[in-house]
C-alpha atoms as a PDB file:
ATOM      1  CA  UNK A   1     -77.136  14.168 -90.242  1.00  0.00           C
ATOM      2  CA  UNK A   2     -78.924  11.361 -88.374  1.00  0.00           C
ATOM      3  CA  UNK A   3     -79.872  13.673 -85.527  1.00  0.00           C
ATOM      4  CA  UNK A   4     -81.951  15.800 -87.943  1.00  0.00           C
ATOM      5  CA  UNK A   5     -84.372  12.942 -88.533  1.00  0.00           C
ATOM      6  CA  UNK A   6     -87.670  12.652 -86.680  1.00  0.00           C
ATOM      7  CA  UNK A   7     -89.366   9.302 -87.214  1.00  0.00           C
ATOM      8  CA  UNK A   8     -93.149   8.890 -87.236  1.00  0.00           C
ATOM      9  CA  UNK A   9     -94.148   5.283 -86.534  1.00  0.00           C
ATOM     10  CA  UNK A  10     -97.078   3.514 -88.165  1.00  0.00           C
ATOM     11  CA  UNK A  11     -99.182   0.535 -87.141  1.00  0.00           C
ATOM     12  CA  UNK A  12     -97.654  -2.018 -84.803  1.00  0.00           C
ATOM     13  CA  UNK A  13     -96.385  -5.391 -85.909  1.00  0.00           C
ATOM     14  CA  UNK A  14     -93.060  -7.138 -85.321  1.00  0.00           C
ATOM     15  CA  UNK A  15     -91.277  -4.996 -87.896  1.00  0.00           C
ATOM     16  CA  UNK A  16     -92.518  -1.678 -86.489  1.00  0.00           C
ATOM     17  CA  UNK A  17     -91.603  -2.657 -82.922  1.00  0.00           C
ATOM     18  CA  UNK A  18     -88.091  -3.686 -84.002  1.00  0.00           C
ATOM     19  CA  UNK A  19     -87.711  -0.390 -85.872  1.00  0.00           C
ATOM     20  CA  UNK A  20     -88.691   1.375 -82.649  1.00  0.00           C
ATOM     21  CA  UNK A  21     -86.091  -0.649 -80.731  1.00  0.00           C
ATOM     22  CA  UNK A  22     -83.409   0.376 -83.233  1.00  0.00           C
ATOM     23  CA  UNK A  23     -84.343   4.044 -82.862  1.00  0.00           C
ATOM     24  CA  UNK A  24     -84.275   3.749 -79.075  1.00  0.00           C
ATOM     25  CA  UNK A  25     -80.868   2.062 -79.174  1.00  0.00           C
ATOM     26  CA  UNK A  26     -79.519   4.834 -81.411  1.00  0.00           C
ATOM     27  CA  UNK A  27     -81.182   7.482 -79.206  1.00  0.00           C
ATOM     28  CA  UNK A  28     -82.940   9.019 -82.199  1.00  0.00           C
ATOM     29  CA  UNK A  29     -86.017  11.222 -82.077  1.00  0.00           C
ATOM     30  CA  UNK A  30     -89.291   9.499 -82.914  1.00  0.00           C
ATOM     31  CA  UNK A  31     -93.031   9.913 -82.423  1.00  0.00           C
ATOM     32  CA  UNK A  32     -95.012   6.842 -81.486  1.00  0.00           C
ATOM     33  CA  UNK A  33     -98.725   6.680 -80.750  1.00  0.00           C
ATOM     34  CA  UNK A  34     -98.802   2.868 -80.649  1.00  0.00           C
ATOM     35  CA  UNK A  35    -101.122   2.710 -83.632  1.00  0.00           C
ATOM     36  CA  UNK A  36    -102.741  -0.317 -85.266  1.00  0.00           C
ATOM     37  CA  UNK A  37    -102.600  -1.466 -88.887  1.00  0.00           C
ATOM     38  CA  UNK A  38    -104.103   1.016 -91.317  1.00  0.00           C
ATOM     39  CA  UNK A  39    -102.748   3.983 -89.343  1.00  0.00           C
ATOM     40  CA  UNK A  40    -102.944   7.412 -90.978  1.00  0.00           C
ATOM     41  CA  UNK A  41    -100.481  10.282 -90.988  1.00  0.00           C
ATOM     42  CA  UNK A  42    -103.231  12.571 -89.658  1.00  0.00           C
ATOM     43  CA  UNK A  43    -102.698  10.911 -86.267  1.00  0.00           C
ATOM     44  CA  UNK A  44     -99.524  13.021 -86.129  1.00  0.00           C
ATOM     45  CA  UNK A  45    -100.913  16.201 -87.654  1.00  0.00           C
ATOM     46  CA  UNK A  46    -100.183  18.382 -84.623  1.00  0.00           C
ATOM     47  CA  UNK A  47     -96.658  17.005 -84.224  1.00  0.00           C
ATOM     48  CA  UNK A  48     -95.918  17.726 -87.889  1.00  0.00           C
ATOM     49  CA  UNK A  49     -97.161  21.296 -87.548  1.00  0.00           C
ATOM     50  CA  UNK A  50     -94.768  21.887 -84.651  1.00  0.00           C
ATOM     51  CA  UNK A  51     -91.782  20.289 -86.366  1.00  0.00           C
ATOM     52  CA  UNK A  52     -88.835  22.718 -86.796  1.00  0.00           C
ATOM     53  CA  UNK A  53     -87.861  23.435 -90.405  1.00  0.00           C
ATOM     54  CA  UNK A  54     -84.400  21.916 -89.953  1.00  0.00           C
ATOM     55  CA  UNK A  55     -85.902  18.539 -89.008  1.00  0.00           C
ATOM     56  CA  UNK A  56     -86.528  15.834 -91.602  1.00  0.00           C
ATOM     57  CA  UNK A  57     -89.695  13.774 -91.040  1.00  0.00           C
ATOM     58  CA  UNK A  58     -89.287  10.062 -91.744  1.00  0.00           C
ATOM     59  CA  UNK A  59     -92.794   8.705 -92.215  1.00  0.00           C
ATOM     60  CA  UNK A  60     -93.024   4.936 -91.746  1.00  0.00           C
ATOM     61  CA  UNK A  61     -95.991   2.915 -93.017  1.00  0.00           C
ATOM     62  CA  UNK A  62     -98.600   5.624 -92.553  1.00  0.00           C
ATOM     63  CA  UNK A  63    -101.420   6.368 -94.973  1.00  0.00           C
ATOM     64  CA  UNK A  64    -100.628   9.803 -96.403  1.00  0.00           C
ATOM     65  CA  UNK A  65    -104.053  11.347 -95.830  1.00  0.00           C
ATOM     66  CA  UNK A  66    -102.812  14.889 -95.068  1.00  0.00           C
ATOM     67  CA  UNK A  67    -100.138  17.147 -96.594  1.00  0.00           C
ATOM     68  CA  UNK A  68     -96.612  16.647 -95.291  1.00  0.00           C
ATOM     69  CA  UNK A  69     -93.324  18.596 -95.549  1.00  0.00           C
ATOM     70  CA  UNK A  70     -91.534  18.507 -98.908  1.00  0.00           C
ATOM     71  CA  UNK A  71     -88.352  17.216 -97.287  1.00  0.00           C
ATOM     72  CA  UNK A  72     -90.113  14.149 -95.826  1.00  0.00           C
ATOM     73  CA  UNK A  73     -88.728  10.665 -96.345  1.00  0.00           C
ATOM     74  CA  UNK A  74     -91.478   8.108 -96.983  1.00  0.00           C
ATOM     75  CA  UNK A  75     -90.751   4.536 -95.895  1.00  0.00           C
ATOM     76  CA  UNK A  76     -93.161   1.765 -96.796  1.00  0.00           C
ATOM     77  CA  UNK A  77     -93.374  -1.527 -98.667  1.00  0.00           C
ATOM     78  CA  UNK A  78     -97.068  -2.059 -99.238  1.00  0.00           C
ATOM     79  CA  UNK A  79     -99.150  -1.841-102.418  1.00  0.00           C
ATOM     80  CA  UNK A  80     -97.027  -0.571-105.330  1.00  0.00           C
ATOM     81  CA  UNK A  81     -93.970  -0.450-103.034  1.00  0.00           C
ATOM     82  CA  UNK A  82     -94.234  -4.199-102.308  1.00  0.00           C
ATOM     83  CA  UNK A  83     -92.343  -6.974-104.028  1.00  0.00           C
ATOM     84  CA  UNK A  84     -89.547  -9.511-103.851  1.00  0.00           C
ATOM     85  CA  UNK A  85     -87.106  -6.946-105.273  1.00  0.00           C
ATOM     86  CA  UNK A  86     -88.188  -4.158-102.903  1.00  0.00           C
ATOM     87  CA  UNK A  87     -86.697  -3.514 -99.484  1.00  0.00           C
ATOM     88  CA  UNK A  88     -88.789  -3.849 -96.350  1.00  0.00           C
ATOM     89  CA  UNK A  89     -89.345  -0.876 -94.084  1.00  0.00           C
ATOM     90  CA  UNK A  90     -86.769  -2.106 -91.575  1.00  0.00           C
ATOM     91  CA  UNK A  91     -84.222  -2.500 -94.385  1.00  0.00           C
ATOM     92  CA  UNK A  92     -84.959   1.026 -95.585  1.00  0.00           C
ATOM     93  CA  UNK A  93     -84.462   2.360 -92.054  1.00  0.00           C
ATOM     94  CA  UNK A  94     -81.177   0.431 -91.786  1.00  0.00           C
ATOM     95  CA  UNK A  95     -79.981   1.975 -95.074  1.00  0.00           C
ATOM     96  CA  UNK A  96     -80.947   5.441 -93.880  1.00  0.00           C
ATOM     97  CA  UNK A  97     -79.019   4.979 -90.637  1.00  0.00           C
ATOM     98  CA  UNK A  98     -76.150   3.116 -92.349  1.00  0.00           C
ATOM     99  CA  UNK A  99     -76.372   0.132 -90.013  1.00  0.00           C
ATOM    100  CA  UNK A 100     -76.432  -3.648 -90.498  1.00  0.00           C
ATOM    101  CA  UNK A 101     -79.308  -5.763 -89.227  1.00  0.00           C
ATOM    102  CA  UNK A 102     -78.546  -8.617 -86.854  1.00  0.00           C
ATOM    103  CA  UNK A 103     -80.012 -12.099 -87.406  1.00  0.00           C
ATOM    104  CA  UNK A 104     -83.162 -11.464 -85.357  1.00  0.00           C
ATOM    105  CA  UNK A 105     -83.826  -8.204 -87.185  1.00  0.00           C
ATOM    106  CA  UNK A 106     -83.230  -9.934 -90.523  1.00  0.00           C
ATOM    107  CA  UNK A 107     -85.725 -12.655 -89.627  1.00  0.00           C
ATOM    108  CA  UNK A 108     -88.325 -10.064 -88.661  1.00  0.00           C
ATOM    109  CA  UNK A 109     -87.717  -8.307 -91.963  1.00  0.00           C
ATOM    110  CA  UNK A 110     -88.018 -11.535 -93.979  1.00  0.00           C
ATOM    111  CA  UNK A 111     -91.161 -12.514 -92.082  1.00  0.00           C
ATOM    112  CA  UNK A 112     -92.747  -9.188 -92.982  1.00  0.00           C
ATOM    113  CA  UNK A 113     -92.085  -9.687 -96.689  1.00  0.00           C
ATOM    114  CA  UNK A 114     -92.106 -13.434 -97.322  1.00  0.00           C
ATOM    115  CA  UNK A 115     -93.732 -14.867 -94.196  1.00  0.00           C
ATOM    116  CA  UNK A 116     -92.802 -18.356 -93.009  1.00  0.00           C
ATOM    117  CA  UNK A 117     -91.612 -19.665 -96.386  1.00  0.00           C
ATOM    118  CA  UNK A 118     -89.150 -16.777 -96.585  1.00  0.00           C
ATOM    119  CA  UNK A 119     -87.713 -17.594 -93.162  1.00  0.00           C
ATOM    120  CA  UNK A 120     -87.377 -21.253 -94.137  1.00  0.00           C
ATOM    121  CA  UNK A 121     -85.498 -20.271 -97.301  1.00  0.00           C
ATOM    122  CA  UNK A 122     -83.230 -18.069 -95.179  1.00  0.00           C
ATOM    123  CA  UNK A 123     -82.325 -21.088 -93.044  1.00  0.00           C
ATOM    124  CA  UNK A 124     -84.291 -20.232 -89.917  1.00  0.00           C
ATOM    125  CA  UNK A 125     -84.802 -22.988 -87.389  1.00  0.00           C
ATOM    126  CA  UNK A 126     -88.310 -24.003 -86.358  1.00  0.00           C
ATOM    127  CA  UNK A 127     -87.665 -22.391 -82.967  1.00  0.00           C
ATOM    128  CA  UNK A 128     -86.708 -19.108 -84.630  1.00  0.00           C
ATOM    129  CA  UNK A 129     -89.792 -19.224 -86.865  1.00  0.00           C
ATOM    130  CA  UNK A 130     -92.066 -19.900 -83.898  1.00  0.00           C
ATOM    131  CA  UNK A 131     -90.469 -17.051 -81.934  1.00  0.00           C
ATOM    132  CA  UNK A 132     -90.827 -14.551 -84.774  1.00  0.00           C
ATOM    133  CA  UNK A 133     -94.447 -15.484 -85.450  1.00  0.00           C
ATOM    134  CA  UNK A 134     -95.360 -15.375 -81.740  1.00  0.00           C
ATOM    135  CA  UNK A 135     -93.626 -11.998 -81.426  1.00  0.00           C
ATOM    136  CA  UNK A 136     -95.446 -10.666 -84.498  1.00  0.00           C
ATOM    137  CA  UNK A 137     -98.855 -11.703 -83.172  1.00  0.00           C
ATOM    138  CA  UNK A 138     -98.057 -10.152 -79.786  1.00  0.00           C
ATOM    139  CA  UNK A 139     -96.995  -6.869 -81.411  1.00  0.00           C
ATOM    140  CA  UNK A 140    -100.234  -6.816 -83.403  1.00  0.00           C
ATOM    141  CA  UNK A 141    -102.149  -6.927 -80.130  1.00  0.00           C
ATOM    142  CA  UNK A 142    -103.485 -10.439 -80.587  1.00  0.00           C
ATOM    143  CA  UNK A 143    -104.873 -11.793 -77.323  1.00  0.00           C
ATOM    144  CA  UNK A 144    -105.545 -15.279 -75.964  1.00  0.00           C
ATOM    145  CA  UNK A 145    -109.204 -14.705 -76.815  1.00  0.00           C
ATOM    146  CA  UNK A 146    -108.231 -14.000 -80.431  1.00  0.00           C
ATOM    147  CA  UNK A 147    -106.230 -17.234 -80.508  1.00  0.00           C
ATOM    148  CA  UNK A 148    -109.197 -19.208 -79.157  1.00  0.00           C
ATOM    149  CA  UNK A 149    -111.606 -17.546 -81.590  1.00  0.00           C
ATOM    150  CA  UNK A 150    -109.257 -18.410 -84.442  1.00  0.00           C
ATOM    151  CA  UNK A 151    -109.353 -22.073 -83.422  1.00  0.00           C
ATOM    152  CA  UNK A 152    -113.154 -22.023 -83.181  1.00  0.00           C
ATOM    153  CA  UNK A 153    -113.442 -20.300 -86.560  1.00  0.00           C
ATOM    154  CA  UNK A 154    -111.312 -23.004 -88.183  1.00  0.00           C
ATOM    155  CA  UNK A 155    -113.294 -25.746 -86.454  1.00  0.00           C
ATOM    156  CA  UNK A 156    -116.790 -24.493 -87.228  1.00  0.00           C
ATOM    157  CA  UNK A 157    -116.621 -21.975 -90.062  1.00  0.00           C
ATOM    158  CA  UNK A 158    -114.155 -23.473 -92.510  1.00  0.00           C
ATOM    159  CA  UNK A 159    -114.925 -24.551 -96.083  1.00  0.00           C
ATOM    160  CA  UNK A 160    -112.420 -26.045 -98.503  1.00  0.00           C
ATOM    161  CA  UNK A 161    -112.113 -24.619-102.018  1.00  0.00           C
ATOM    162  CA  UNK A 162    -110.551 -27.304-104.244  1.00  0.00           C
ATOM    163  CA  UNK A 163    -107.862 -27.996-105.138  1.00  0.00           C
ATOM    164  CA  UNK A 164    -105.851 -26.256-102.392  1.00  0.00           C
ATOM    165  CA  UNK A 165    -107.826 -23.374-100.924  1.00  0.00           C
ATOM    166  CA  UNK A 166    -109.840 -22.743 -97.782  1.00  0.00           C
ATOM    167  CA  UNK A 167    -112.456 -20.134 -96.889  1.00  0.00           C
ATOM    168  CA  UNK A 168    -112.917 -19.041 -93.275  1.00  0.00           C
ATOM    169  CA  UNK A 169    -115.577 -16.933 -91.602  1.00  0.00           C
ATOM    170  CA  UNK A 170    -113.521 -15.565 -88.730  1.00  0.00           C
ATOM    171  CA  UNK A 171    -114.955 -14.764 -85.322  1.00  0.00           C
ATOM    172  CA  UNK A 172    -112.127 -12.251 -84.744  1.00  0.00           C
ATOM    173  CA  UNK A 173    -110.742  -9.326 -86.752  1.00  0.00           C
ATOM    174  CA  UNK A 174    -107.225 -10.644 -86.094  1.00  0.00           C
ATOM    175  CA  UNK A 175    -106.315 -12.907 -88.997  1.00  0.00           C
ATOM    176  CA  UNK A 176    -102.716 -13.887 -88.175  1.00  0.00           C
ATOM    177  CA  UNK A 177    -103.740 -16.684 -85.758  1.00  0.00           C
ATOM    178  CA  UNK A 178    -105.718 -18.273 -88.587  1.00  0.00           C
ATOM    179  CA  UNK A 179    -103.025 -17.863 -91.231  1.00  0.00           C
ATOM    180  CA  UNK A 180    -100.391 -19.274 -88.862  1.00  0.00           C
ATOM    181  CA  UNK A 181    -102.490 -22.349 -88.131  1.00  0.00           C
ATOM    182  CA  UNK A 182    -103.375 -23.131 -91.749  1.00  0.00           C
ATOM    183  CA  UNK A 183    -100.395 -22.110 -93.900  1.00  0.00           C
ATOM    184  CA  UNK A 184     -98.949 -25.671 -93.873  1.00  0.00           C
ATOM    185  CA  UNK A 185    -102.133 -27.187 -95.217  1.00  0.00           C
ATOM    186  CA  UNK A 186    -103.443 -24.792 -97.875  1.00  0.00           C
ATOM    187  CA  UNK A 187    -101.878 -22.779-100.664  1.00  0.00           C
ATOM    188  CA  UNK A 188    -104.733 -20.253-100.634  1.00  0.00           C
ATOM    189  CA  UNK A 189    -106.332 -18.947 -97.420  1.00  0.00           C
ATOM    190  CA  UNK A 190    -109.356 -16.638 -97.702  1.00  0.00           C
ATOM    191  CA  UNK A 191    -110.776 -15.002 -94.570  1.00  0.00           C
ATOM    192  CA  UNK A 192    -113.828 -12.844 -94.016  1.00  0.00           C
ATOM    193  CA  UNK A 193    -113.716 -11.357 -90.537  1.00  0.00           C
ATOM    194  CA  UNK A 194    -116.418 -10.538 -88.042  1.00  0.00           C
ATOM    195  CA  UNK A 195    -115.731  -6.886 -88.919  1.00  0.00           C
ATOM    196  CA  UNK A 196    -116.644  -7.551 -92.577  1.00  0.00           C
ATOM    197  CA  UNK A 197    -113.088  -7.273 -93.861  1.00  0.00           C
ATOM    198  CA  UNK A 198    -111.557  -9.627 -96.382  1.00  0.00           C
ATOM    199  CA  UNK A 199    -108.041 -11.046 -96.151  1.00  0.00           C
ATOM    200  CA  UNK A 200    -106.119 -13.400 -98.403  1.00  0.00           C
ATOM    201  CA  UNK A 201    -102.718 -15.080 -98.122  1.00  0.00           C
ATOM    202  CA  UNK A 202    -101.253 -17.159-100.915  1.00  0.00           C
ATOM    203  CA  UNK A 203     -99.917 -16.805-104.436  1.00  0.00           C
ATOM    204  CA  UNK A 204     -98.927 -13.657-106.249  1.00  0.00           C
ATOM    205  CA  UNK A 205    -101.265 -14.566-109.125  1.00  0.00           C
ATOM    206  CA  UNK A 206    -104.345 -14.474-106.913  1.00  0.00           C
ATOM    207  CA  UNK A 207    -103.154 -11.244-105.248  1.00  0.00           C
ATOM    208  CA  UNK A 208    -102.819  -9.717-108.730  1.00  0.00           C
ATOM    209  CA  UNK A 209    -106.334 -10.840-109.648  1.00  0.00           C
ATOM    210  CA  UNK A 210    -107.789  -9.257-106.513  1.00  0.00           C
ATOM    211  CA  UNK A 211    -105.879  -6.017-107.094  1.00  0.00           C
ATOM    212  CA  UNK A 212    -107.224  -5.768-110.651  1.00  0.00           C
ATOM    213  CA  UNK A 213    -110.777  -6.517-109.508  1.00  0.00           C
ATOM    214  CA  UNK A 214    -110.737  -4.008-106.658  1.00  0.00           C
ATOM    215  CA  UNK A 215    -109.111  -1.299-108.766  1.00  0.00           C
ATOM    216  CA  UNK A 216    -112.137  -1.470-111.062  1.00  0.00           C
ATOM    217  CA  UNK A 217    -114.508  -1.593-108.093  1.00  0.00           C
ATOM    218  CA  UNK A 218    -112.811   1.448-106.561  1.00  0.00           C
ATOM    219  CA  UNK A 219    -113.480   3.556-109.678  1.00  0.00           C
ATOM    220  CA  UNK A 220    -117.224   3.555-108.970  1.00  0.00           C
ATOM    221  CA  UNK A 221    -117.197   3.253-105.203  1.00  0.00           C
ATOM    222  CA  UNK A 222    -115.108   5.738-103.211  1.00  0.00           C
ATOM    223  CA  UNK A 223    -115.690   3.791 -99.998  1.00  0.00           C
ATOM    224  CA  UNK A 224    -113.730   0.797-101.311  1.00  0.00           C
ATOM    225  CA  UNK A 225    -110.325   0.388 -99.678  1.00  0.00           C
ATOM    226  CA  UNK A 226    -107.758  -2.327-100.296  1.00  0.00           C
ATOM    227  CA  UNK A 227    -104.120  -3.096 -99.563  1.00  0.00           C
ATOM    228  CA  UNK A 228    -101.622  -5.729-100.577  1.00  0.00           C
ATOM    229  CA  UNK A 229     -97.984  -6.720-100.233  1.00  0.00           C
ATOM    230  CA  UNK A 230     -95.550  -9.554 -99.684  1.00  0.00           C
ATOM    231  CA  UNK A 231     -92.991 -11.342-101.804  1.00  0.00           C
ATOM    232  CA  UNK A 232     -94.674 -10.448-105.086  1.00  0.00           C
ATOM    233  CA  UNK A 233     -95.001 -11.719-107.769  1.00  0.00           C
ATOM    234  CA  UNK A 234     -94.339 -15.075-106.080  1.00  0.00           C
ATOM    235  CA  UNK A 235     -96.458 -14.891-102.944  1.00  0.00           C
ATOM    236  CA  UNK A 236     -98.273 -12.258-100.955  1.00  0.00           C
ATOM    237  CA  UNK A 237    -101.372 -11.047 -99.185  1.00  0.00           C
ATOM    238  CA  UNK A 238    -104.397  -8.910 -99.972  1.00  0.00           C
ATOM    239  CA  UNK A 239    -106.948  -7.176 -97.793  1.00  0.00           C
ATOM    240  CA  UNK A 240    -110.067  -5.071 -98.282  1.00  0.00           C
ATOM    241  CA  UNK A 241    -112.852  -3.423 -96.322  1.00  0.00           C
ATOM    242  CA  UNK A 242    -115.306  -5.280 -98.584  1.00  0.00           C
ATOM    243  CA  UNK A 243    -116.151  -8.912 -97.721  1.00  0.00           C
ATOM    244  CA  UNK A 244    -115.842 -11.564-100.433  1.00  0.00           C
ATOM    245  CA  UNK A 245    -118.016 -14.624-101.040  1.00  0.00           C
ATOM    246  CA  UNK A 246    -116.870 -17.984-102.390  1.00  0.00           C
ATOM    247  CA  UNK A 247    -118.773 -17.157-105.575  1.00  0.00           C
ATOM    248  CA  UNK A 248    -116.686 -13.970-105.898  1.00  0.00           C
ATOM    249  CA  UNK A 249    -113.494 -15.991-105.453  1.00  0.00           C
ATOM    250  CA  UNK A 250    -114.412 -18.246-108.381  1.00  0.00           C
ATOM    251  CA  UNK A 251    -115.419 -15.293-110.553  1.00  0.00           C
ATOM    252  CA  UNK A 252    -112.258 -13.269-109.860  1.00  0.00           C
ATOM    253  CA  UNK A 253    -109.910 -16.250-110.168  1.00  0.00           C
ATOM    254  CA  UNK A 254    -111.292 -18.145-113.150  1.00  0.00           C
ATOM    255  CA  UNK A 255    -109.483 -21.388-113.837  1.00  0.00           C
ATOM    256  CA  UNK A 256    -107.564 -21.498-110.552  1.00  0.00           C
ATOM    257  CA  UNK A 257    -110.268 -23.156-108.425  1.00  0.00           C
ATOM    258  CA  UNK A 258    -112.593 -25.963-109.468  1.00  0.00           C
END
């Protein structure tokens, strides 16, 4: 049955690259255009059209912006599919293939859902955590310039939001280098990027507040896009194509910040 699957890979991060490695090891058929976060299924429109009827598409972390075959298997764990009680994409692939994940693959999976705190709870060593985070940033296409810009952004464009938050105007669209540098020091990290995108990492409560706010915003503005995930309802992340001001943060999260 496995040989009837054709996997369509979404945006690159550590989890997607490890999924690709599993598929290569198992010599399974997959399509990979080395896409970035926010990848859409339409990137594979021609491949889907040519897919034989006896093949089962397995669509992994791709925005479903075009019709797809009725027999498709959708694998994702963002937005409504996210949560502490939901399986990550790599876990869903492992279930589909009836395989067990090794320790490295488990750490990559945990990192994708629960970030560094999740790996600590799992019993990861500091070396393992550093290796997973470095690998994740590399897979996301983060360069040395991005790392340097992250440091400069923290140094020059950083404002604390009491009692335990920080607001960054980032000089790069890549936010992981900032999150990785600040997670030890702040419970709430808010980033507006040079590309006018907003990103948050922190508690599930704040993620929930942003989701509620942007759901209302989306009703009157079709251009509004947002995404979220993580170890909800405990912790997680949120992102949008709409930048957020500190004033907005206070308004959306009344009572949390002073």
